Amino acid sequence: MDIQRDIYLLKSGDATAFERLFRYYSRTMFFIAMGLVDDRHVAEDAVQESFVNLWNHRKELDPAYDIRFYLKQSVRNYIFKHFRHCRVQERHAEALTREQKFWAEDKMDDFSEKLENVRKLLASLPESCRKIFVMSVVEGCSYAETASRLNISVNTVKSQVKIAYRKLKSLQNLSENELLLLLILIYLKKM
């Protein structure tokens, strides 16, 4: 097989030359990928992506460049990208598990209890603080709009919201997202 000739033909878009290069190198690239990842499906995807990449960048190829090294680097890059993706998934798995536990049906009593506790804490806030908090956080008004509607300064709105958050977050085992969700549910029940 004349690899240099096939690279020249590949540069001009010859699909037959591409197929010959694929048949010649794909098995080797597969074993290289398996050595890195030990997962047949990921290794096959890595080989496929490396050849798709080769085809998409064929016009930029230098026939003097070692095509085997090019494919090997492409496979390696795909595998490393796969590993990075797996690490991101692992980092977020804990948060997803926590959310699933929060929404589990057998925890609905706990949810109702949390909702009632937030409702009580919200009612325990001073009236002006509660009004500012509900307008700006629960209803979604901007600080400027809340200040304008209540005829107060924006800094007053900010400080009252901060005070309300501090008091409401005193509820044990309640994240800021859970707190916001509960506040929205309380608001929707009032409508």
Protein backbone atom coordinates (compact mmCIF):
# COMPACT_ATOMS: atom_id res chain seq x y z
CA MET A 1 0.00 0.00 0.00
CA ASP A 2 1.36 3.41 -0.99
CA ILE A 3 0.32 5.59 1.95
CA GLN A 4 1.84 8.80 0.56
CA ARG A 5 -0.17 8.41 -2.66
CA ASP A 6 -3.35 7.70 -0.70
CA ILE A 7 -2.80 10.83 1.39
CA TYR A 8 -2.46 12.91 -1.81
CA LEU A 9 -5.64 11.33 -3.16
CA LEU A 10 -7.40 11.84 0.19
CA LYS A 11 -6.49 15.55 0.10
CA SER A 12 -8.33 15.83 -3.20
CA GLY A 13 -11.41 14.10 -1.73
CA ASP A 14 -10.92 10.57 -3.03
CA ALA A 15 -13.24 8.37 -0.92
CA THR A 16 -11.57 5.15 -2.09
CA ALA A 17 -8.20 6.32 -0.74
CA PHE A 18 -9.92 7.18 2.53
CA GLU A 19 -11.41 3.68 2.72
CA ARG A 20 -7.99 2.11 2.10
CA LEU A 21 -6.47 4.22 4.91
CA PHE A 22 -9.36 3.27 7.17
CA ARG A 23 -8.94 -0.45 6.50
CA TYR A 24 -5.19 -0.20 7.00
CA TYR A 25 -5.18 1.82 10.26
CA SER A 26 -8.54 1.30 11.99
CA ARG A 27 -7.63 -1.96 13.73
CA THR A 28 -4.38 -0.52 15.10
CA MET A 29 -6.20 2.62 16.29
CA PHE A 30 -8.84 0.45 17.96
CA PHE A 31 -6.20 -1.42 19.97
CA ILE A 32 -4.52 1.86 20.93
CA ALA A 33 -7.89 3.16 22.15
CA MET A 34 -8.60 -0.06 24.06
CA GLY A 35 -5.24 0.29 25.76
CA LEU A 36 -6.30 3.70 27.02
CA VAL A 37 -9.93 3.14 27.96
CA ASP A 38 -10.71 -0.60 28.15
CA ASP A 39 -14.25 0.01 26.90
CA ARG A 40 -15.10 -1.40 23.49
CA HIS A 41 -17.83 1.13 22.69
CA VAL A 42 -15.74 4.15 23.65
CA ALA A 43 -12.77 2.73 21.72
CA GLU A 44 -14.93 2.23 18.61
CA ASP A 45 -16.27 5.78 18.94
CA ALA A 46 -12.73 7.10 19.30
CA VAL A 47 -11.62 5.38 16.10
CA GLN A 48 -14.70 6.52 14.21
CA GLU A 49 -14.28 10.12 15.39
CA SER A 50 -10.59 10.13 14.51
CA PHE A 51 -11.37 9.08 10.94
CA VAL A 52 -14.24 11.58 10.68
CA ASN A 53 -11.77 14.20 11.85
CA LEU A 54 -9.26 13.01 9.25
CA TRP A 55 -11.85 13.31 6.49
CA ASN A 56 -13.03 16.74 7.65
CA HIS A 57 -9.45 18.08 7.75
CA ARG A 58 -8.13 16.22 4.69
CA LYS A 59 -7.31 19.41 2.77
CA GLU A 60 -4.96 20.53 5.53
CA LEU A 61 -2.96 17.28 5.57
CA ASP A 62 0.74 17.36 4.85
CA PRO A 63 1.65 14.19 2.92
CA ALA A 64 5.07 14.21 4.59
CA TYR A 65 3.40 14.07 8.01
CA ASP A 66 3.04 10.65 9.66
CA ILE A 67 -0.67 9.79 9.24
CA ARG A 68 -0.38 7.07 11.88
CA PHE A 69 0.77 9.65 14.44
CA TYR A 70 -2.08 11.99 13.38
CA LEU A 71 -4.69 9.24 13.91
CA LYS A 72 -3.08 8.11 17.17
CA GLN A 73 -3.21 11.68 18.54
CA SER A 74 -6.81 12.03 17.43
CA VAL A 75 -7.80 8.80 19.20
CA ARG A 76 -5.88 9.86 22.30
CA ASN A 77 -7.58 13.28 22.33
CA TYR A 78 -11.02 11.68 22.01
CA ILE A 79 -10.30 9.33 24.93
CA PHE A 80 -9.05 12.19 27.12
CA LYS A 81 -12.15 14.22 26.25
CA HIS A 82 -14.22 11.19 27.28
CA PHE A 83 -12.38 11.03 30.63
CA ARG A 84 -12.98 14.75 31.25
CA HIS A 85 -16.67 14.25 30.49
CA CYS A 86 -16.83 11.36 32.96
CA ARG A 87 -15.19 13.49 35.68
CA VAL A 88 -17.77 16.25 35.13
CA GLN A 89 -20.56 13.69 35.40
CA GLU A 90 -19.11 12.35 38.65
CA ARG A 91 -18.88 15.86 40.12
CA HIS A 92 -22.53 16.50 39.39
CA ALA A 93 -23.75 13.04 40.41
CA GLU A 94 -23.82 14.00 44.10
CA ALA A 95 -26.00 17.04 43.40
CA LEU A 96 -28.33 14.96 41.25
CA THR A 97 -28.63 12.32 43.95
CA ARG A 98 -29.44 15.00 46.53
CA GLU A 99 -32.15 16.43 44.25
CA GLN A 100 -33.61 12.97 43.62
CA LYS A 101 -33.76 12.31 47.36
CA PHE A 102 -35.46 15.66 47.87
CA TRP A 103 -38.17 14.79 45.36
CA ALA A 104 -38.58 11.13 46.32
CA GLU A 105 -42.23 10.31 46.99
CA ASP A 106 -41.52 8.72 50.34
CA LYS A 107 -40.13 12.08 51.50
CA MET A 108 -43.28 14.08 50.70
CA ASP A 109 -44.15 14.32 54.40
CA ASP A 110 -40.73 15.85 55.00
CA PHE A 111 -41.38 18.20 52.07
CA SER A 112 -44.73 19.26 53.51
CA GLU A 113 -43.04 19.83 56.83
CA LYS A 114 -40.34 21.96 55.21
CA LEU A 115 -43.01 23.90 53.32
CA GLU A 116 -44.88 24.57 56.54
CA ASN A 117 -41.68 25.62 58.34
CA VAL A 118 -40.81 28.06 55.55
CA ARG A 119 -44.37 29.40 55.62
CA LYS A 120 -44.07 29.98 59.39
CA LEU A 121 -40.63 31.58 59.07
CA LEU A 122 -41.90 33.79 56.27
CA ALA A 123 -44.83 34.84 58.46
CA SER A 124 -42.44 35.55 61.33
CA LEU A 125 -40.52 38.15 59.32
CA PRO A 126 -41.40 41.76 60.04
CA GLU A 127 -44.15 42.87 57.65
CA SER A 128 -42.00 45.29 55.64
CA CYS A 129 -39.16 42.76 55.35
CA ARG A 130 -41.61 40.04 54.26
CA LYS A 131 -43.24 42.32 51.69
CA ILE A 132 -39.88 43.31 50.20
CA PHE A 133 -38.67 39.69 50.14
CA VAL A 134 -41.83 38.35 48.51
CA MET A 135 -41.84 41.09 45.85
CA SER A 136 -38.19 40.85 44.92
CA VAL A 137 -37.46 37.13 45.38
CA VAL A 138 -40.72 35.21 45.12
CA GLU A 139 -42.52 37.41 42.58
CA GLY A 140 -39.31 38.16 40.71
CA CYS A 141 -39.43 41.96 40.71
CA SER A 142 -36.08 43.68 40.30
CA TYR A 143 -34.65 45.49 43.30
CA ALA A 144 -35.23 48.82 41.52
CA GLU A 145 -38.85 47.94 40.73
CA THR A 146 -39.47 46.79 44.32
CA ALA A 147 -37.90 50.00 45.67
CA SER A 148 -40.01 52.11 43.33
CA ARG A 149 -43.28 50.35 44.16
CA LEU A 150 -42.67 50.55 47.92
CA ASN A 151 -41.18 54.06 47.81
CA ILE A 152 -37.88 52.99 49.44
CA SER A 153 -34.23 52.92 48.38
CA VAL A 154 -32.64 50.05 46.44
CA ASN A 155 -30.13 49.59 49.29
CA THR A 156 -33.02 49.06 51.72
CA VAL A 157 -34.39 46.36 49.42
CA LYS A 158 -30.99 44.66 49.23
CA SER A 159 -30.44 44.69 52.98
CA GLN A 160 -33.98 43.46 53.76
CA VAL A 161 -33.65 40.60 51.26
CA LYS A 162 -30.32 39.64 52.83
CA ILE A 163 -31.88 39.66 56.32
CA ALA A 164 -34.83 37.56 55.14
CA TYR A 165 -32.54 35.02 53.45
CA ARG A 166 -30.44 34.72 56.60
CA LYS A 167 -33.50 34.02 58.73
CA LEU A 168 -35.09 31.62 56.27
CA LYS A 169 -31.86 29.69 55.67
CA SER A 170 -31.68 29.00 59.39
CA LEU A 171 -34.01 26.11 58.57
CA GLN A 172 -31.85 22.98 58.88
CA ASN A 173 -30.88 20.94 55.79
CA LEU A 174 -32.40 23.40 53.35
CA SER A 175 -30.29 24.52 50.41
CA GLU A 176 -30.82 27.91 48.79
CA ASN A 177 -32.44 26.21 45.76
CA GLU A 178 -34.82 24.24 47.97
CA LEU A 179 -35.68 27.40 49.84
CA LEU A 180 -36.43 29.26 46.62
CA LEU A 181 -38.58 26.40 45.37
CA LEU A 182 -40.55 26.30 48.59
CA LEU A 183 -41.09 30.06 48.49
CA ILE A 184 -42.39 29.83 44.94
CA LEU A 185 -44.76 27.04 45.92
CA ILE A 186 -46.05 29.13 48.82
CA TYR A 187 -46.58 32.06 46.49
CA LEU A 188 -48.42 29.89 43.94
CA LYS A 189 -50.75 28.50 46.63
CA LYS A 190 -51.73 32.05 47.56
CA MET A 191 -52.82 32.80 43.98
